[in-house]
Amino acid sequence: MPILTPILADEKQSNVVASLIIQFGDEITEQEAKAILENYSLPTYKLDYNIDFLPDKHYYIIVDKNKMMGVKDELRKGAHWTDPASPDFEKGNNYIIPITDKAIQDKKFLVLLEKNNLQVKNSYGVNLILENFP
């Protein structure tokens, strides 16, 4: 999400990105995360692994593109389902669906996982802070 820079009344407004939150699966080590990011043409940045404004645990499931709508409909029927702050996103032939802490405690959710042969996975957030932004 772009961050708007403060402006004086007579200046034009400009959008700049000061940082990005990137999610990595918990099986990715800190060194592997750094190696992945080195493959991209990014300006000078530093990584912050201690993000105090995000929860420690980030849960998600990976659902086949063809089953996504059915799984989402079933999720919404769960007693503890609330839409997470993060959106679902497409990756290849799958959708990655963020899951809230409350949802993973719901018995209906556990049945849904078993019925659809899904696994809850964990991820962690890294704040990629751009060092040379206006």
Protein backbone atom coordinates (compact mmCIF):
# COMPACT_ATOMS: atom_id res chain seq x y z
CA MET A 1 0.00 0.00 0.00
CA PRO A 2 1.51 3.33 -0.95
CA ILE A 3 2.20 5.77 1.83
CA LEU A 4 1.42 9.40 1.11
CA THR A 5 4.22 11.79 1.98
CA PRO A 6 3.33 14.89 4.01
CA ILE A 7 3.00 17.94 1.79
CA LEU A 8 2.66 21.67 2.20
CA ALA A 9 -0.48 23.29 0.84
CA ASP A 10 1.26 24.57 -2.31
CA GLU A 11 3.07 21.30 -3.15
CA LYS A 12 1.77 18.53 -5.39
CA GLN A 13 0.92 15.25 -3.69
CA SER A 14 3.16 12.26 -4.48
CA ASN A 15 2.91 8.57 -3.66
CA VAL A 16 5.95 6.76 -2.35
CA VAL A 17 6.40 3.33 -0.86
CA ALA A 18 8.51 3.42 2.29
CA SER A 19 8.31 -0.28 3.08
CA LEU A 20 6.68 -3.56 2.15
CA ILE A 21 5.50 -6.40 4.36
CA ILE A 22 6.47 -9.70 2.76
CA GLN A 23 5.21 -13.06 4.00
CA PHE A 24 7.42 -16.15 3.89
CA GLY A 25 6.38 -19.68 4.76
CA ASP A 26 7.84 -20.67 8.12
CA GLU A 27 9.95 -23.33 6.39
CA ILE A 28 11.97 -20.52 4.74
CA THR A 29 14.95 -19.49 6.85
CA GLU A 30 16.15 -15.92 7.27
CA GLN A 31 19.13 -16.64 4.98
CA GLU A 32 16.84 -18.15 2.32
CA ALA A 33 14.55 -15.10 2.52
CA LYS A 34 17.55 -12.83 1.94
CA ALA A 35 18.67 -14.99 -1.01
CA ILE A 36 15.19 -14.83 -2.56
CA LEU A 37 15.09 -11.04 -2.29
CA GLU A 38 18.56 -10.73 -3.86
CA ASN A 39 17.07 -12.12 -7.08
CA TYR A 40 14.95 -8.98 -7.48
CA SER A 41 16.02 -5.57 -8.68
CA LEU A 42 15.24 -3.64 -5.51
CA PRO A 43 16.63 -0.32 -4.34
CA THR A 44 18.76 -0.27 -1.19
CA TYR A 45 16.78 -1.81 1.67
CA LYS A 46 17.06 -3.33 5.11
CA LEU A 47 14.99 -6.16 6.56
CA ASP A 48 13.19 -6.01 9.89
CA TYR A 49 12.10 -9.38 11.26
CA ASN A 50 10.64 -7.88 14.47
CA ILE A 51 7.34 -6.48 13.32
CA ASP A 52 5.42 -5.49 16.42
CA PHE A 53 2.27 -4.40 14.59
CA LEU A 54 1.56 -7.88 13.17
CA PRO A 55 0.62 -11.03 15.06
CA ASP A 56 3.41 -13.55 15.65
CA LYS A 57 1.55 -16.31 13.83
CA HIS A 58 0.15 -15.99 10.32
CA TYR A 59 -1.92 -18.97 9.23
CA TYR A 60 -2.96 -19.83 5.70
CA ILE A 61 -4.22 -22.68 3.53
CA ILE A 62 -3.45 -23.37 -0.11
CA VAL A 63 -6.54 -24.29 -2.13
CA ASP A 64 -6.81 -25.48 -5.72
CA LYS A 65 -8.18 -22.73 -7.96
CA ASN A 66 -11.16 -24.91 -8.95
CA LYS A 67 -12.15 -25.56 -5.30
CA MET A 68 -11.57 -22.04 -3.98
CA MET A 69 -15.17 -20.73 -4.07
CA GLY A 70 -16.58 -23.87 -2.43
CA VAL A 71 -13.96 -23.77 0.33
CA LYS A 72 -14.53 -20.04 0.92
CA ASP A 73 -18.30 -20.63 1.17
CA GLU A 74 -17.73 -23.37 3.74
CA LEU A 75 -15.29 -21.19 5.69
CA ARG A 76 -17.84 -18.40 5.99
CA LYS A 77 -20.30 -20.85 7.58
CA GLY A 78 -17.86 -21.51 10.46
CA ALA A 79 -18.82 -20.18 13.89
CA HIS A 80 -15.45 -18.46 14.35
CA TRP A 81 -14.88 -17.24 10.80
CA THR A 82 -13.96 -13.62 10.27
CA ASP A 83 -12.35 -12.38 7.09
CA PRO A 84 -8.65 -11.78 7.80
CA ALA A 85 -7.09 -8.40 7.10
CA SER A 86 -4.98 -9.92 4.29
CA PRO A 87 -6.71 -10.74 0.99
CA ASP A 88 -6.63 -14.10 -0.75
CA PHE A 89 -4.22 -14.23 -3.64
CA GLU A 90 -3.63 -16.43 -6.63
CA LYS A 91 -0.37 -18.31 -7.10
CA GLY A 92 -0.20 -20.65 -10.07
CA ASN A 93 -3.20 -23.00 -10.01
CA ASN A 94 -3.89 -22.28 -6.34
CA TYR A 95 -5.21 -19.62 -4.03
CA ILE A 96 -3.53 -18.80 -0.75
CA ILE A 97 -6.19 -18.00 1.83
CA PRO A 98 -5.16 -16.34 5.10
CA ILE A 99 -6.80 -17.86 8.18
CA THR A 100 -7.47 -16.15 11.52
CA ASP A 101 -6.50 -17.56 14.92
CA LYS A 102 -10.18 -17.98 15.80
CA ALA A 103 -10.92 -20.01 12.68
CA ILE A 104 -8.32 -22.68 13.41
CA GLN A 105 -10.05 -23.41 16.74
CA ASP A 106 -13.42 -24.07 15.07
CA LYS A 107 -14.44 -27.77 14.83
CA LYS A 108 -16.20 -27.08 11.51
CA PHE A 109 -12.93 -25.69 10.18
CA LEU A 110 -11.08 -28.87 11.16
CA VAL A 111 -13.73 -30.95 9.36
CA LEU A 112 -13.36 -28.70 6.29
CA LEU A 113 -9.59 -29.27 6.29
CA GLU A 114 -9.99 -33.04 6.44
CA LYS A 115 -12.79 -33.11 3.85
CA ASN A 116 -10.73 -31.08 1.35
CA ASN A 117 -7.34 -32.60 2.23
CA LEU A 118 -5.97 -29.19 3.28
CA GLN A 119 -3.28 -28.26 5.79
CA VAL A 120 -2.89 -25.12 7.84
CA LYS A 121 0.53 -23.60 7.32
CA ASN A 122 2.37 -20.83 9.15
CA SER A 123 4.21 -17.85 7.76
CA TYR A 124 6.08 -14.90 9.15
CA GLY A 125 6.22 -11.30 8.04
CA VAL A 126 9.33 -9.36 7.12
CA ASN A 127 9.30 -5.59 6.79
CA LEU A 128 11.41 -4.61 3.78
CA ILE A 129 12.31 -0.98 4.48
CA LEU A 130 13.43 1.06 1.50
CA GLU A 131 16.31 3.26 2.60
CA ASN A 132 16.39 5.87 -0.18
CA PHE A 133 12.86 7.11 -0.59
CA PRO A 134 11.92 10.81 -0.85
